[in-house]
C-alpha atoms as a PDB file:
ATOM      1  CA  UNK A   1       1.674  19.915 -25.895  1.00  0.00           C
ATOM      2  CA  UNK A   2      -1.427  18.478 -27.124  1.00  0.00           C
ATOM      3  CA  UNK A   3      -4.438  18.094 -24.675  1.00  0.00           C
ATOM      4  CA  UNK A   4      -4.158  14.494 -24.691  1.00  0.00           C
ATOM      5  CA  UNK A   5      -0.489  14.362 -23.662  1.00  0.00           C
ATOM      6  CA  UNK A   6      -0.989  16.814 -21.003  1.00  0.00           C
ATOM      7  CA  UNK A   7      -4.104  14.773 -19.376  1.00  0.00           C
ATOM      8  CA  UNK A   8      -1.851  11.625 -19.757  1.00  0.00           C
ATOM      9  CA  UNK A   9       0.881  13.293 -17.644  1.00  0.00           C
ATOM     10  CA  UNK A  10      -1.649  13.924 -14.657  1.00  0.00           C
ATOM     11  CA  UNK A  11      -2.767  10.470 -14.466  1.00  0.00           C
ATOM     12  CA  UNK A  12       0.609   8.548 -14.943  1.00  0.00           C
ATOM     13  CA  UNK A  13       1.339   6.714 -11.709  1.00  0.00           C
ATOM     14  CA  UNK A  14       4.578   5.004 -10.854  1.00  0.00           C
ATOM     15  CA  UNK A  15       4.402   1.339 -10.692  1.00  0.00           C
ATOM     16  CA  UNK A  16       5.253  -0.257  -7.496  1.00  0.00           C
ATOM     17  CA  UNK A  17       8.531  -1.971  -7.838  1.00  0.00           C
ATOM     18  CA  UNK A  18       8.305  -5.530  -6.169  1.00  0.00           C
ATOM     19  CA  UNK A  19      10.309  -8.844  -5.550  1.00  0.00           C
ATOM     20  CA  UNK A  20       7.875 -11.558  -5.181  1.00  0.00           C
ATOM     21  CA  UNK A  21       9.415 -14.398  -2.988  1.00  0.00           C
ATOM     22  CA  UNK A  22       9.913 -17.805  -4.626  1.00  0.00           C
ATOM     23  CA  UNK A  23       6.777 -18.896  -2.245  1.00  0.00           C
ATOM     24  CA  UNK A  24       4.474 -16.479  -3.941  1.00  0.00           C
ATOM     25  CA  UNK A  25       5.276 -17.454  -7.446  1.00  0.00           C
ATOM     26  CA  UNK A  26       4.829 -20.989  -6.759  1.00  0.00           C
ATOM     27  CA  UNK A  27       1.721 -20.374  -4.956  1.00  0.00           C
ATOM     28  CA  UNK A  28       0.298 -18.572  -7.893  1.00  0.00           C
ATOM     29  CA  UNK A  29       1.352 -21.246 -10.453  1.00  0.00           C
ATOM     30  CA  UNK A  30       0.257 -24.179  -8.129  1.00  0.00           C
ATOM     31  CA  UNK A  31      -2.524 -23.238  -5.994  1.00  0.00           C
ATOM     32  CA  UNK A  32      -3.901 -19.720  -7.209  1.00  0.00           C
ATOM     33  CA  UNK A  33      -5.670 -17.395  -4.832  1.00  0.00           C
ATOM     34  CA  UNK A  34      -4.195 -14.038  -3.844  1.00  0.00           C
ATOM     35  CA  UNK A  35      -0.460 -14.920  -5.251  1.00  0.00           C
ATOM     36  CA  UNK A  36      -2.402 -15.627  -8.467  1.00  0.00           C
ATOM     37  CA  UNK A  37      -3.879 -12.347  -8.352  1.00  0.00           C
ATOM     38  CA  UNK A  38      -0.589 -10.469  -7.724  1.00  0.00           C
ATOM     39  CA  UNK A  39       1.173 -12.627 -10.727  1.00  0.00           C
ATOM     40  CA  UNK A  40      -1.714 -11.477 -13.082  1.00  0.00           C
ATOM     41  CA  UNK A  41      -0.716  -7.906 -11.872  1.00  0.00           C
ATOM     42  CA  UNK A  42       2.696  -8.798 -13.233  1.00  0.00           C
ATOM     43  CA  UNK A  43       1.255 -10.148 -16.502  1.00  0.00           C
ATOM     44  CA  UNK A  44      -1.030  -7.083 -16.916  1.00  0.00           C
ATOM     45  CA  UNK A  45       1.825  -4.830 -16.422  1.00  0.00           C
ATOM     46  CA  UNK A  46       0.331  -3.126 -13.279  1.00  0.00           C
ATOM     47  CA  UNK A  47       3.289  -3.618 -11.079  1.00  0.00           C
ATOM     48  CA  UNK A  48       6.867  -3.732 -11.815  1.00  0.00           C
ATOM     49  CA  UNK A  49       8.571  -7.054 -10.705  1.00  0.00           C
ATOM     50  CA  UNK A  50      12.056  -7.676 -10.224  1.00  0.00           C
ATOM     51  CA  UNK A  51      14.220 -10.828  -9.657  1.00  0.00           C
ATOM     52  CA  UNK A  52      17.780 -12.109  -9.766  1.00  0.00           C
ATOM     53  CA  UNK A  53      19.191 -15.128 -11.204  1.00  0.00           C
ATOM     54  CA  UNK A  54      19.705 -16.757  -7.991  1.00  0.00           C
ATOM     55  CA  UNK A  55      15.965 -16.475  -7.313  1.00  0.00           C
ATOM     56  CA  UNK A  56      15.120 -17.775 -10.703  1.00  0.00           C
ATOM     57  CA  UNK A  57      17.308 -20.637  -9.965  1.00  0.00           C
ATOM     58  CA  UNK A  58      15.594 -21.365  -6.744  1.00  0.00           C
ATOM     59  CA  UNK A  59      12.355 -21.271  -8.532  1.00  0.00           C
ATOM     60  CA  UNK A  60      13.112 -23.491 -11.177  1.00  0.00           C
ATOM     61  CA  UNK A  61      14.693 -25.968  -8.833  1.00  0.00           C
ATOM     62  CA  UNK A  62      11.654 -26.198  -6.427  1.00  0.00           C
ATOM     63  CA  UNK A  63       9.413 -26.561  -9.376  1.00  0.00           C
ATOM     64  CA  UNK A  64      11.257 -29.471 -10.987  1.00  0.00           C
ATOM     65  CA  UNK A  65      11.991 -31.512  -7.651  1.00  0.00           C
ATOM     66  CA  UNK A  66       8.784 -30.549  -5.571  1.00  0.00           C
ATOM     67  CA  UNK A  67       6.197 -30.254  -8.425  1.00  0.00           C
ATOM     68  CA  UNK A  68       7.781 -32.242 -11.158  1.00  0.00           C
ATOM     69  CA  UNK A  69       7.464 -29.655 -13.541  1.00  0.00           C
ATOM     70  CA  UNK A  70       8.903 -30.746 -17.232  1.00  0.00           C
ATOM     71  CA  UNK A  71      11.294 -28.723 -19.420  1.00  0.00           C
ATOM     72  CA  UNK A  72       8.498 -27.679 -21.624  1.00  0.00           C
ATOM     73  CA  UNK A  73       6.762 -25.735 -18.387  1.00  0.00           C
ATOM     74  CA  UNK A  74      10.046 -24.419 -17.160  1.00  0.00           C
ATOM     75  CA  UNK A  75      11.073 -23.120 -20.521  1.00  0.00           C
ATOM     76  CA  UNK A  76       7.599 -21.179 -20.845  1.00  0.00           C
ATOM     77  CA  UNK A  77       7.977 -19.917 -17.338  1.00  0.00           C
ATOM     78  CA  UNK A  78      11.736 -18.734 -18.224  1.00  0.00           C
ATOM     79  CA  UNK A  79      10.207 -16.823 -21.297  1.00  0.00           C
ATOM     80  CA  UNK A  80       7.377 -15.225 -19.096  1.00  0.00           C
ATOM     81  CA  UNK A  81      10.179 -14.057 -16.762  1.00  0.00           C
ATOM     82  CA  UNK A  82      12.441 -12.530 -19.386  1.00  0.00           C
ATOM     83  CA  UNK A  83       9.462 -10.695 -20.658  1.00  0.00           C
ATOM     84  CA  UNK A  84       7.695  -9.504 -17.577  1.00  0.00           C
ATOM     85  CA  UNK A  85      10.672  -9.288 -14.710  1.00  0.00           C
ATOM     86  CA  UNK A  86      13.519  -7.125 -14.765  1.00  0.00           C
ATOM     87  CA  UNK A  87      16.522  -9.107 -13.933  1.00  0.00           C
ATOM     88  CA  UNK A  88      18.975  -7.706 -11.391  1.00  0.00           C
ATOM     89  CA  UNK A  89      22.342  -8.517 -10.305  1.00  0.00           C
ATOM     90  CA  UNK A  90      22.998  -7.716  -6.577  1.00  0.00           C
ATOM     91  CA  UNK A  91      26.333  -6.363  -5.843  1.00  0.00           C
ATOM     92  CA  UNK A  92      25.834  -6.690  -2.018  1.00  0.00           C
ATOM     93  CA  UNK A  93      25.543  -9.702   0.182  1.00  0.00           C
ATOM     94  CA  UNK A  94      23.594  -9.699   3.308  1.00  0.00           C
ATOM     95  CA  UNK A  95      23.502 -12.165   6.345  1.00  0.00           C
ATOM     96  CA  UNK A  96      20.405 -10.541   8.241  1.00  0.00           C
ATOM     97  CA  UNK A  97      18.491 -13.837   8.272  1.00  0.00           C
ATOM     98  CA  UNK A  98      19.422 -17.387   9.207  1.00  0.00           C
ATOM     99  CA  UNK A  99      17.973 -18.624   6.011  1.00  0.00           C
ATOM    100  CA  UNK A 100      20.513 -17.744   3.340  1.00  0.00           C
ATOM    101  CA  UNK A 101      17.572 -17.836   0.544  1.00  0.00           C
ATOM    102  CA  UNK A 102      15.745 -15.086   2.547  1.00  0.00           C
ATOM    103  CA  UNK A 103      18.845 -13.017   2.402  1.00  0.00           C
ATOM    104  CA  UNK A 104      18.827 -13.545  -1.728  1.00  0.00           C
ATOM    105  CA  UNK A 105      15.364 -12.008  -1.509  1.00  0.00           C
ATOM    106  CA  UNK A 106      16.537  -8.869   0.411  1.00  0.00           C
ATOM    107  CA  UNK A 107      19.759  -8.630  -1.958  1.00  0.00           C
ATOM    108  CA  UNK A 108      17.554  -8.395  -5.030  1.00  0.00           C
ATOM    109  CA  UNK A 109      14.892  -6.089  -3.782  1.00  0.00           C
ATOM    110  CA  UNK A 110      17.761  -3.715  -2.588  1.00  0.00           C
ATOM    111  CA  UNK A 111      19.623  -3.568  -6.003  1.00  0.00           C
ATOM    112  CA  UNK A 112      16.267  -3.020  -7.825  1.00  0.00           C
ATOM    113  CA  UNK A 113      15.322  -0.359  -5.450  1.00  0.00           C
ATOM    114  CA  UNK A 114      12.142  -2.032  -4.684  1.00  0.00           C
ATOM    115  CA  UNK A 115       9.154  -0.497  -2.830  1.00  0.00           C
ATOM    116  CA  UNK A 116       7.973  -4.084  -1.492  1.00  0.00           C
ATOM    117  CA  UNK A 117       8.991  -7.494  -1.107  1.00  0.00           C
ATOM    118  CA  UNK A 118       5.836  -9.898  -1.338  1.00  0.00           C
ATOM    119  CA  UNK A 119       6.247 -13.217   0.681  1.00  0.00           C
ATOM    120  CA  UNK A 120       4.663 -15.833   2.816  1.00  0.00           C
ATOM    121  CA  UNK A 121       7.957 -16.443   4.522  1.00  0.00           C
ATOM    122  CA  UNK A 122       7.472 -15.448   8.201  1.00  0.00           C
ATOM    123  CA  UNK A 123      10.972 -14.747   8.688  1.00  0.00           C
ATOM    124  CA  UNK A 124      11.032 -12.104   6.273  1.00  0.00           C
ATOM    125  CA  UNK A 125       7.485 -11.051   7.330  1.00  0.00           C
ATOM    126  CA  UNK A 126       8.871 -10.539  10.946  1.00  0.00           C
ATOM    127  CA  UNK A 127      11.415  -7.947   9.706  1.00  0.00           C
ATOM    128  CA  UNK A 128       8.316  -5.669   8.361  1.00  0.00           C
ATOM    129  CA  UNK A 129      10.708  -3.195   6.488  1.00  0.00           C
ATOM    130  CA  UNK A 130      14.248  -3.643   5.183  1.00  0.00           C
ATOM    131  CA  UNK A 131      16.241  -0.337   4.308  1.00  0.00           C
ATOM    132  CA  UNK A 132      12.792   1.287   3.532  1.00  0.00           C
ATOM    133  CA  UNK A 133      11.418  -1.652   1.410  1.00  0.00           C
ATOM    134  CA  UNK A 134       8.197  -2.917   3.063  1.00  0.00           C
ATOM    135  CA  UNK A 135       7.701  -6.538   3.427  1.00  0.00           C
ATOM    136  CA  UNK A 136       4.131  -7.875   2.881  1.00  0.00           C
ATOM    137  CA  UNK A 137       1.971 -10.658   2.651  1.00  0.00           C
ATOM    138  CA  UNK A 138       0.069 -11.197  -0.676  1.00  0.00           C
ATOM    139  CA  UNK A 139      -3.031 -10.167   1.071  1.00  0.00           C
ATOM    140  CA  UNK A 140      -1.606  -6.832   2.441  1.00  0.00           C
ATOM    141  CA  UNK A 141       0.037  -5.902  -0.762  1.00  0.00           C
ATOM    142  CA  UNK A 142      -3.383  -6.303  -2.718  1.00  0.00           C
ATOM    143  CA  UNK A 143      -5.212  -4.263  -0.001  1.00  0.00           C
ATOM    144  CA  UNK A 144      -2.795  -1.354  -0.880  1.00  0.00           C
ATOM    145  CA  UNK A 145      -2.642  -1.812  -4.724  1.00  0.00           C
ATOM    146  CA  UNK A 146      -6.401  -2.486  -5.075  1.00  0.00           C
ATOM    147  CA  UNK A 147      -7.287   0.530  -3.026  1.00  0.00           C
ATOM    148  CA  UNK A 148      -4.855   3.091  -4.701  1.00  0.00           C
END
């Protein structure tokens, strides 16, 4: 083994596996701020993001209906998603929270064996943890990642 490769082995870190809730992605794209910083971590391959087809559909629907995204912007976002996000297909269905959309976030995170769910959703945040997956705000997540 060369010196260079052995040095690299000591510095390799496991990227945190995360599900970005739809509200985080929308905030990143529309408003910026801390959600945008997290989205940039995705684009710079500093975190390992996961999503599911149902979460992608929810994102697309909101961007079209509420924020009037056109087909060109949606196609660009789909390309980015396919390039940077691992898409999981959850086998389990949960009914832990009243809002079924929140349950889809939990399902994707569990299927992807995530470390974190990043969200602005109060019901998800009240859980704090779901089966060893930590549920954090954008600010809390950035504090953890940036100090590490």
